[in-house]
Amino acid sequence: MLFMDLQMENVGGCADLLWEAANAMMSVGRYESALKYLLLLNEMPEHSS
C-alpha cells in the first residue's frame, strides 16, 4: 500500500488514517515514512500542542 500522496489538504479530519499509515510503515521497517505521517498528524490543529 502506498501512502505517498497524502498531504495536509487531503487528510482533513483523517487522524485515524494517518495513525494507521504510520503504524503500517513501522511494521514493515519504513521508519522514515512512519515519521512523515506522525509529523503530519502532529500538524493537525486538534492534535497540536
PDB file of N, CA and C in Angstrom:
ATOM      1  N   MET A   1       0.842  -1.171   0.000  1.00  0.00           N
ATOM      2  CA  MET A   1       0.000   0.000   0.000  1.00  0.00           C
ATOM      3  C   MET A   1       0.889   1.237   0.000  1.00  0.00           C
ATOM      4  N   LEU A   2       0.544   2.209  -0.820  1.00  0.00           N
ATOM      5  CA  LEU A   2       1.319   3.441  -0.881  1.00  0.00           C
ATOM      6  C   LEU A   2       0.533   4.581  -0.260  1.00  0.00           C
ATOM      7  N   PHE A   3       1.205   5.338   0.586  1.00  0.00           N
ATOM      8  CA  PHE A   3       0.579   6.479   1.239  1.00  0.00           C
ATOM      9  C   PHE A   3       1.290   7.771   0.863  1.00  0.00           C
ATOM     10  N   MET A   4       2.107   7.736  -0.185  1.00  0.00           N
ATOM     11  CA  MET A   4       2.953   8.872  -0.518  1.00  0.00           C
ATOM     12  C   MET A   4       2.171  10.116  -0.917  1.00  0.00           C
ATOM     13  N   ASP A   5       0.942   9.981  -1.377  1.00  0.00           N
ATOM     14  CA  ASP A   5       0.193  11.129  -1.874  1.00  0.00           C
ATOM     15  C   ASP A   5      -0.617  11.851  -0.805  1.00  0.00           C
ATOM     16  N   LEU A   6      -0.517  11.417   0.439  1.00  0.00           N
ATOM     17  CA  LEU A   6      -1.244  12.110   1.496  1.00  0.00           C
ATOM     18  C   LEU A   6      -0.598  13.464   1.761  1.00  0.00           C
ATOM     19  N   GLN A   7      -1.383  14.492   1.770  1.00  0.00           N
ATOM     20  CA  GLN A   7      -0.932  15.841   2.081  1.00  0.00           C
ATOM     21  C   GLN A   7      -1.934  16.434   3.062  1.00  0.00           C
ATOM     22  N   MET A   8      -1.532  17.483   3.764  1.00  0.00           N
ATOM     23  CA  MET A   8      -2.407  18.080   4.767  1.00  0.00           C
ATOM     24  C   MET A   8      -3.771  18.462   4.190  1.00  0.00           C
ATOM     25  N   GLU A   9      -3.817  19.056   2.998  1.00  0.00           N
ATOM     26  CA  GLU A   9      -5.096  19.485   2.441  1.00  0.00           C
ATOM     27  C   GLU A   9      -5.981  18.300   2.067  1.00  0.00           C
ATOM     28  N   ASN A  10      -5.430  17.119   1.948  1.00  0.00           N
ATOM     29  CA  ASN A  10      -6.201  15.937   1.570  1.00  0.00           C
ATOM     30  C   ASN A  10      -6.665  15.105   2.763  1.00  0.00           C
ATOM     31  N   VAL A  11      -6.055  15.278   3.920  1.00  0.00           N
ATOM     32  CA  VAL A  11      -6.381  14.397   5.035  1.00  0.00           C
ATOM     33  C   VAL A  11      -7.420  14.974   5.973  1.00  0.00           C
ATOM     34  N   GLY A  12      -7.562  16.292   6.000  1.00  0.00           N
ATOM     35  CA  GLY A  12      -8.599  16.911   6.812  1.00  0.00           C
ATOM     36  C   GLY A  12      -8.699  16.310   8.195  1.00  0.00           C
ATOM     37  N   GLY A  13      -9.807  15.650   8.496  1.00  0.00           N
ATOM     38  CA  GLY A  13     -10.039  15.053   9.802  1.00  0.00           C
ATOM     39  C   GLY A  13      -9.728  13.571   9.848  1.00  0.00           C
ATOM     40  N   CYS A  14      -8.751  13.129   9.091  1.00  0.00           N
ATOM     41  CA  CYS A  14      -8.433  11.699   8.999  1.00  0.00           C
ATOM     42  C   CYS A  14      -7.276  11.303   9.909  1.00  0.00           C
ATOM     43  N   ALA A  15      -7.349  11.697  11.161  1.00  0.00           N
ATOM     44  CA  ALA A  15      -6.272  11.380  12.092  1.00  0.00           C
ATOM     45  C   ALA A  15      -6.073   9.871  12.209  1.00  0.00           C
ATOM     46  N   ASP A  16      -7.164   9.129  12.212  1.00  0.00           N
ATOM     47  CA  ASP A  16      -7.057   7.669  12.315  1.00  0.00           C
ATOM     48  C   ASP A  16      -6.307   7.086  11.124  1.00  0.00           C
ATOM     49  N   LEU A  17      -6.560   7.628   9.938  1.00  0.00           N
ATOM     50  CA  LEU A  17      -5.868   7.165   8.738  1.00  0.00           C
ATOM     51  C   LEU A  17      -4.370   7.431   8.837  1.00  0.00           C
ATOM     52  N   LEU A  18      -3.999   8.613   9.311  1.00  0.00           N
ATOM     53  CA  LEU A  18      -2.576   8.931   9.468  1.00  0.00           C
ATOM     54  C   LEU A  18      -1.922   8.000  10.478  1.00  0.00           C
ATOM     55  N   TRP A  19      -2.610   7.751  11.589  1.00  0.00           N
ATOM     56  CA  TRP A  19      -2.070   6.864  12.623  1.00  0.00           C
ATOM     57  C   TRP A  19      -1.887   5.450  12.072  1.00  0.00           C
ATOM     58  N   GLU A  20      -2.873   4.957  11.337  1.00  0.00           N
ATOM     59  CA  GLU A  20      -2.776   3.622  10.746  1.00  0.00           C
ATOM     60  C   GLU A  20      -1.675   3.556   9.694  1.00  0.00           C
ATOM     61  N   ALA A  21      -1.526   4.622   8.915  1.00  0.00           N
ATOM     62  CA  ALA A  21      -0.459   4.664   7.913  1.00  0.00           C
ATOM     63  C   ALA A  21       0.902   4.606   8.595  1.00  0.00           C
ATOM     64  N   ALA A  22       1.070   5.366   9.666  1.00  0.00           N
ATOM     65  CA  ALA A  22       2.337   5.361  10.401  1.00  0.00           C
ATOM     66  C   ALA A  22       2.615   3.977  10.982  1.00  0.00           C
ATOM     67  N   ASN A  23       1.615   3.364  11.575  1.00  0.00           N
ATOM     68  CA  ASN A  23       1.795   2.021  12.134  1.00  0.00           C
ATOM     69  C   ASN A  23       2.132   1.007  11.054  1.00  0.00           C
ATOM     70  N   ALA A  24       1.487   1.121   9.895  1.00  0.00           N
ATOM     71  CA  ALA A  24       1.776   0.205   8.788  1.00  0.00           C
ATOM     72  C   ALA A  24       3.221   0.356   8.331  1.00  0.00           C
ATOM     73  N   MET A  25       3.677   1.584   8.224  1.00  0.00           N
ATOM     74  CA  MET A  25       5.064   1.827   7.798  1.00  0.00           C
ATOM     75  C   MET A  25       6.057   1.286   8.832  1.00  0.00           C
ATOM     76  N   MET A  26       5.767   1.489  10.120  1.00  0.00           N
ATOM     77  CA  MET A  26       6.663   0.970  11.161  1.00  0.00           C
ATOM     78  C   MET A  26       6.704  -0.551  11.149  1.00  0.00           C
ATOM     79  N   SER A  27       5.561  -1.179  10.883  1.00  0.00           N
ATOM     80  CA  SER A  27       5.510  -2.640  10.924  1.00  0.00           C
ATOM     81  C   SER A  27       6.346  -3.292   9.831  1.00  0.00           C
ATOM     82  N   VAL A  28       6.623  -2.551   8.758  1.00  0.00           N
ATOM     83  CA  VAL A  28       7.460  -3.093   7.684  1.00  0.00           C
ATOM     84  C   VAL A  28       8.847  -2.457   7.669  1.00  0.00           C
ATOM     85  N   GLY A  29       9.184  -1.769   8.758  1.00  0.00           N
ATOM     86  CA  GLY A  29      10.528  -1.211   8.884  1.00  0.00           C
ATOM     87  C   GLY A  29      10.763   0.085   8.136  1.00  0.00           C
ATOM     88  N   ARG A  30       9.716   0.748   7.703  1.00  0.00           N
ATOM     89  CA  ARG A  30       9.838   2.027   6.974  1.00  0.00           C
ATOM     90  C   ARG A  30       9.673   3.175   7.971  1.00  0.00           C
ATOM     91  N   TYR A  31      10.675   3.336   8.834  1.00  0.00           N
ATOM     92  CA  TYR A  31      10.577   4.282   9.937  1.00  0.00           C
ATOM     93  C   TYR A  31      10.550   5.734   9.480  1.00  0.00           C
ATOM     94  N   GLU A  32      11.280   6.071   8.428  1.00  0.00           N
ATOM     95  CA  GLU A  32      11.256   7.450   7.930  1.00  0.00           C
ATOM     96  C   GLU A  32       9.877   7.799   7.374  1.00  0.00           C
ATOM     97  N   SER A  33       9.260   6.861   6.691  1.00  0.00           N
ATOM     98  CA  SER A  33       7.905   7.097   6.185  1.00  0.00           C
ATOM     99  C   SER A  33       6.917   7.224   7.340  1.00  0.00           C
ATOM    100  N   ALA A  34       7.071   6.387   8.353  1.00  0.00           N
ATOM    101  CA  ALA A  34       6.200   6.468   9.524  1.00  0.00           C
ATOM    102  C   ALA A  34       6.327   7.834  10.180  1.00  0.00           C
ATOM    103  N   LEU A  35       7.535   8.325  10.287  1.00  0.00           N
ATOM    104  CA  LEU A  35       7.756   9.635  10.893  1.00  0.00           C
ATOM    105  C   LEU A  35       7.040  10.722  10.106  1.00  0.00           C
ATOM    106  N   LYS A  36       7.040  10.615   8.796  1.00  0.00           N
ATOM    107  CA  LYS A  36       6.343  11.594   7.952  1.00  0.00           C
ATOM    108  C   LYS A  36       4.870  11.688   8.344  1.00  0.00           C
ATOM    109  N   TYR A  37       4.221  10.551   8.515  1.00  0.00           N
ATOM    110  CA  TYR A  37       2.805  10.554   8.839  1.00  0.00           C
ATOM    111  C   TYR A  37       2.548  10.989  10.266  1.00  0.00           C
ATOM    112  N   LEU A  38       3.446  10.663  11.177  1.00  0.00           N
ATOM    113  CA  LEU A  38       3.294  11.138  12.552  1.00  0.00           C
ATOM    114  C   LEU A  38       3.466  12.652  12.618  1.00  0.00           C
ATOM    115  N   LEU A  39       4.376  13.192  11.824  1.00  0.00           N
ATOM    116  CA  LEU A  39       4.547  14.644  11.785  1.00  0.00           C
ATOM    117  C   LEU A  39       3.329  15.328  11.170  1.00  0.00           C
ATOM    118  N   LEU A  40       2.745  14.728  10.132  1.00  0.00           N
ATOM    119  CA  LEU A  40       1.502  15.271   9.572  1.00  0.00           C
ATOM    120  C   LEU A  40       0.398  15.271  10.623  1.00  0.00           C
ATOM    121  N   LEU A  41       0.307  14.193  11.385  1.00  0.00           N
ATOM    122  CA  LEU A  41      -0.690  14.098  12.444  1.00  0.00           C
ATOM    123  C   LEU A  41      -0.470  15.197  13.470  1.00  0.00           C
ATOM    124  N   ASN A  42       0.775  15.445  13.810  1.00  0.00           N
ATOM    125  CA  ASN A  42       1.103  16.480  14.783  1.00  0.00           C
ATOM    126  C   ASN A  42       0.735  17.875  14.279  1.00  0.00           C
ATOM    127  N   GLU A  43       0.748  18.081  12.965  1.00  0.00           N
ATOM    128  CA  GLU A  43       0.408  19.384  12.384  1.00  0.00           C
ATOM    129  C   GLU A  43      -1.092  19.649  12.361  1.00  0.00           C
ATOM    130  N   MET A  44      -1.889  18.621  12.547  1.00  0.00           N
ATOM    131  CA  MET A  44      -3.338  18.813  12.538  1.00  0.00           C
ATOM    132  C   MET A  44      -3.725  19.621  13.771  1.00  0.00           C
ATOM    133  N   PRO A  45      -4.545  20.673  13.607  1.00  0.00           N
ATOM    134  CA  PRO A  45      -4.874  21.577  14.718  1.00  0.00           C
ATOM    135  C   PRO A  45      -5.386  20.877  15.971  1.00  0.00           C
ATOM    136  N   GLU A  46      -6.219  19.872  15.832  1.00  0.00           N
ATOM    137  CA  GLU A  46      -6.769  19.204  17.014  1.00  0.00           C
ATOM    138  C   GLU A  46      -5.766  18.291  17.704  1.00  0.00           C
ATOM    139  N   HIS A  47      -4.579  18.079  17.088  1.00  0.00           N
ATOM    140  CA  HIS A  47      -3.568  17.222  17.686  1.00  0.00           C
ATOM    141  C   HIS A  47      -2.301  17.972  18.058  1.00  0.00           C
ATOM    142  N   SER A  48      -2.194  19.233  17.683  1.00  0.00           N
ATOM    143  CA  SER A  48      -1.003  20.021  18.008  1.00  0.00           C
ATOM    144  C   SER A  48      -1.062  20.451  19.458  1.00  0.00           C
ATOM    145  N   SER A  49       0.116  20.559  20.058  1.00  0.00           N
ATOM    146  CA  SER A  49       0.136  21.006  21.455  1.00  0.00           C
ATOM    147  C   SER A  49       0.496  22.465  21.546  1.00  0.00           C
TER     148      SER A  49
END
